[in-house]
Amino acid sequence: MKSYIKSIAVLTLICAAVAVLLSGANAITAPIIEENEAAAAMEALKVVMPEGADFQPVEIGRYALPETVTEVYRAGGGGYVVTLETVGYATGMVILCGVDQNGVVTGAICLSSSETLGYEADYGAAAVGATAETVDGLDVISGATMTTEAYKNAIKDALETALILSSEEAGASGGAGTALSGAAAALGICGLLKGVA
């Protein structure tokens, strides 16, 4: 009976020691892991906006943005990187799209997808240089129409998001705005800005 209690006590002490060691290891590595994840996120932003720097998250709850928008980062030199989640043939296609201060797509990549054919992996390259005026000219791929159409609509939503945020910022600063806010007026989509002056 005494050996039974002794065995339980020894196992309990071993488990407690291992738990303390794991907790210590986690305390030491957690900041490093967090720093590496932040660096990886910044690298992803730089892929779609190579000239961007000083990316700051935007509080999107304050704006009436398209439903596909899940995150937005403002680049220090102007422009935005927008994370969108859309539905093509399958659900859960996540796209990252950069739009510069002039309303031009600087890059787009598919971060994750459940699409079957894989066309979404390379389709973003076709969007580079697109604007609100030219995005409808992007070709859809035969055999992957639902996927590429959803991708194209996500690019449109990213451009619309950049227009909305740019116009909002121009209104808040009382200035003339950027080329993006001018593009919004030229396109006649100011009604989409939902109350933005």
Protein backbone atom coordinates (compact mmCIF):
# COMPACT_ATOMS: atom_id res chain seq x y z
CA MET A 1 0.00 0.00 0.00
CA LYS A 2 2.88 2.35 0.89
CA SER A 3 4.58 1.71 -2.47
CA TYR A 4 1.30 2.51 -4.22
CA ILE A 5 1.08 5.92 -2.48
CA LYS A 6 4.79 6.55 -3.08
CA SER A 7 4.36 5.84 -6.82
CA ILE A 8 1.43 8.27 -7.04
CA ALA A 9 3.42 10.96 -5.20
CA VAL A 10 6.44 10.52 -7.50
CA LEU A 11 4.28 10.67 -10.64
CA THR A 12 2.49 13.76 -9.32
CA LEU A 13 5.81 15.51 -8.65
CA ILE A 14 7.12 14.56 -12.11
CA CYS A 15 3.94 15.91 -13.75
CA ALA A 16 4.16 19.14 -11.73
CA ALA A 17 7.83 19.60 -12.68
CA VAL A 18 7.07 19.03 -16.37
CA ALA A 19 4.15 21.47 -16.22
CA VAL A 20 6.39 24.15 -14.67
CA LEU A 21 9.06 23.55 -17.33
CA LEU A 22 6.53 23.75 -20.17
CA SER A 23 5.03 26.90 -18.72
CA GLY A 24 8.49 28.45 -18.50
CA ALA A 25 9.32 27.45 -22.06
CA ASN A 26 6.04 28.97 -23.24
CA ALA A 27 6.73 32.21 -21.37
CA ILE A 28 10.14 32.44 -23.03
CA THR A 29 9.05 31.51 -26.57
CA ALA A 30 5.62 33.24 -26.76
CA PRO A 31 7.03 36.74 -27.43
CA ILE A 32 9.39 35.33 -30.07
CA ILE A 33 6.55 33.45 -31.77
CA GLU A 34 4.35 36.57 -31.68
CA GLU A 35 7.16 38.66 -33.17
CA ASN A 36 7.74 36.10 -35.95
CA GLU A 37 4.01 35.97 -36.76
CA ALA A 38 3.87 39.77 -36.96
CA ALA A 39 6.90 39.79 -39.27
CA ALA A 40 5.28 37.14 -41.49
CA ALA A 41 2.07 39.18 -41.65
CA MET A 42 4.04 42.29 -42.67
CA GLU A 43 5.82 40.27 -45.36
CA ALA A 44 2.46 39.17 -46.76
CA LEU A 45 1.37 42.81 -46.91
CA LYS A 46 4.59 43.70 -48.74
CA VAL A 47 3.88 40.98 -51.34
CA VAL A 48 0.73 42.78 -52.51
CA MET A 49 2.08 46.30 -51.91
CA PRO A 50 5.84 46.16 -52.47
CA GLU A 51 6.29 49.92 -52.09
CA GLY A 52 4.24 50.02 -48.88
CA ALA A 53 5.68 50.57 -45.43
CA ASP A 54 4.48 51.28 -41.90
CA PHE A 55 1.28 49.26 -42.26
CA GLN A 56 -1.27 50.16 -39.59
CA PRO A 57 -4.54 48.28 -38.99
CA VAL A 58 -7.75 50.18 -39.73
CA GLU A 59 -10.75 49.85 -37.41
CA ILE A 60 -13.20 48.64 -40.07
CA GLY A 61 -16.23 48.64 -37.80
CA ARG A 62 -16.49 52.41 -38.22
CA TYR A 63 -17.11 52.19 -41.95
CA ALA A 64 -19.81 50.75 -44.21
CA LEU A 65 -17.51 48.46 -46.19
CA PRO A 66 -18.37 45.52 -48.44
CA GLU A 67 -19.28 42.36 -46.53
CA THR A 68 -16.30 40.47 -47.93
CA VAL A 69 -13.81 42.77 -46.15
CA THR A 70 -12.34 41.19 -43.00
CA GLU A 71 -9.23 43.35 -42.38
CA VAL A 72 -7.67 46.52 -43.74
CA TYR A 73 -4.18 47.93 -43.28
CA ARG A 74 -3.24 51.51 -44.20
CA ALA A 75 0.21 51.93 -45.73
CA GLY A 76 2.31 54.77 -44.39
CA GLY A 77 2.94 56.21 -47.86
CA GLY A 78 -0.74 55.94 -48.85
CA GLY A 79 -2.91 53.15 -50.04
CA TYR A 80 -4.47 50.12 -48.39
CA VAL A 81 -4.07 46.38 -48.15
CA VAL A 82 -7.44 44.66 -47.84
CA THR A 83 -8.13 41.10 -46.67
CA LEU A 84 -11.33 39.69 -48.15
CA GLU A 85 -13.18 36.41 -47.73
CA THR A 86 -15.41 35.42 -50.61
CA VAL A 87 -17.23 32.43 -52.06
CA GLY A 88 -16.36 31.01 -55.46
CA TYR A 89 -17.17 27.40 -56.25
CA ALA A 90 -16.50 26.63 -52.57
CA THR A 91 -16.54 28.78 -49.45
CA GLY A 92 -13.60 30.34 -47.68
CA MET A 93 -11.50 31.88 -50.45
CA VAL A 94 -9.33 34.46 -48.63
CA ILE A 95 -7.71 37.12 -50.80
CA LEU A 96 -5.20 39.83 -49.93
CA CYS A 97 -5.27 42.85 -52.26
CA GLY A 98 -3.14 46.00 -52.29
CA VAL A 99 -4.51 49.30 -53.65
CA ASP A 100 -2.19 52.31 -53.86
CA GLN A 101 -3.07 55.97 -53.19
CA ASN A 102 -4.02 56.40 -56.85
CA GLY A 103 -6.60 53.61 -56.81
CA VAL A 104 -4.44 51.09 -58.69
CA VAL A 105 -4.18 47.44 -57.65
CA THR A 106 -0.56 46.78 -56.70
CA GLY A 107 -0.97 43.07 -56.10
CA ALA A 108 -3.42 40.34 -55.13
CA ILE A 109 -2.86 36.86 -53.76
CA CYS A 110 -5.08 34.06 -52.57
CA LEU A 111 -4.12 33.20 -48.98
CA SER A 112 -6.38 30.17 -48.63
CA SER A 113 -8.97 28.42 -50.70
CA SER A 114 -11.08 25.28 -51.03
CA GLU A 115 -11.45 25.68 -54.79
CA THR A 116 -10.90 22.49 -56.76
CA LEU A 117 -8.94 23.58 -59.84
CA GLY A 118 -6.42 25.98 -58.30
CA TYR A 119 -6.85 28.87 -60.77
CA GLU A 120 -7.18 31.28 -57.85
CA ALA A 121 -3.50 30.76 -57.00
CA ASP A 122 -2.32 32.75 -60.04
CA TYR A 123 -5.34 34.86 -60.97
CA GLY A 124 -4.26 37.80 -58.79
CA ALA A 125 -1.37 38.60 -61.15
CA ALA A 126 -3.95 39.56 -63.81
CA ALA A 127 -5.38 42.19 -61.46
CA VAL A 128 -2.14 44.15 -61.04
CA GLY A 129 -2.65 47.60 -62.54
CA ALA A 130 -6.45 47.35 -62.49
CA THR A 131 -8.49 50.34 -61.36
CA ALA A 132 -12.16 50.85 -60.56
CA GLU A 133 -12.62 51.80 -64.21
CA THR A 134 -10.79 48.76 -65.67
CA VAL A 135 -11.46 45.92 -63.22
CA ASP A 136 -14.51 44.74 -65.16
CA GLY A 137 -12.16 44.04 -68.09
CA LEU A 138 -10.39 41.25 -66.20
CA ASP A 139 -11.09 37.99 -67.99
CA VAL A 140 -12.70 35.10 -66.21
CA ILE A 141 -11.21 31.68 -66.89
CA SER A 142 -13.38 29.18 -68.72
CA GLY A 143 -13.92 26.15 -66.55
CA ALA A 144 -13.34 28.21 -63.40
CA THR A 145 -15.91 30.92 -63.96
CA MET A 146 -17.32 30.90 -60.42
CA THR A 147 -13.85 31.05 -58.86
CA THR A 148 -12.42 33.78 -61.07
CA GLU A 149 -15.65 35.81 -61.00
CA ALA A 150 -15.59 35.71 -57.18
CA TYR A 151 -11.92 36.73 -57.23
CA LYS A 152 -12.69 39.63 -59.58
CA ASN A 153 -15.57 40.75 -57.34
CA ALA A 154 -13.24 40.65 -54.34
CA ILE A 155 -10.82 42.91 -56.23
CA LYS A 156 -13.75 45.28 -56.89
CA ASP A 157 -14.57 45.22 -53.17
CA ALA A 158 -10.94 46.04 -52.33
CA LEU A 159 -11.00 48.99 -54.74
CA GLU A 160 -14.33 50.16 -53.30
CA THR A 161 -12.93 49.85 -49.77
CA ALA A 162 -9.92 51.98 -50.68
CA LEU A 163 -12.25 54.59 -52.22
CA ILE A 164 -14.46 54.66 -49.13
CA LEU A 165 -11.57 54.95 -46.69
CA SER A 166 -9.75 57.54 -48.78
CA SER A 167 -12.89 59.67 -49.12
CA GLU A 168 -13.58 59.34 -45.39
CA GLU A 169 -10.05 60.45 -44.54
CA ALA A 170 -10.24 63.35 -46.98
CA GLY A 171 -13.51 64.46 -45.39
CA ALA A 172 -12.08 64.14 -41.88
CA SER A 173 -9.01 66.18 -42.77
CA GLY A 174 -11.02 68.80 -44.65
CA GLY A 175 -8.60 68.48 -47.55
CA ALA A 176 -9.11 67.86 -51.20
CA GLY A 177 -8.35 64.17 -50.74
CA THR A 178 -6.26 61.86 -52.82
CA ALA A 179 -6.62 60.55 -56.31
CA LEU A 180 -8.80 57.81 -54.81
CA SER A 181 -11.43 60.26 -53.61
CA GLY A 182 -11.31 61.96 -57.01
CA ALA A 183 -11.83 58.57 -58.65
CA ALA A 184 -14.89 58.02 -56.46
CA ALA A 185 -16.41 61.25 -57.71
CA ALA A 186 -15.49 60.50 -61.31
CA LEU A 187 -17.13 57.10 -61.11
CA GLY A 188 -20.28 58.52 -59.57
CA ILE A 189 -20.16 56.05 -56.72
CA CYS A 190 -20.31 58.62 -53.98
CA GLY A 191 -23.71 57.14 -53.08
CA LEU A 192 -21.85 53.95 -52.17
CA LEU A 193 -19.90 55.88 -49.57
CA LYS A 194 -22.97 55.77 -47.30
CA GLY A 195 -23.07 59.23 -45.84
CA VAL A 196 -19.48 60.27 -46.45
CA ALA A 197 -19.40 63.98 -47.23
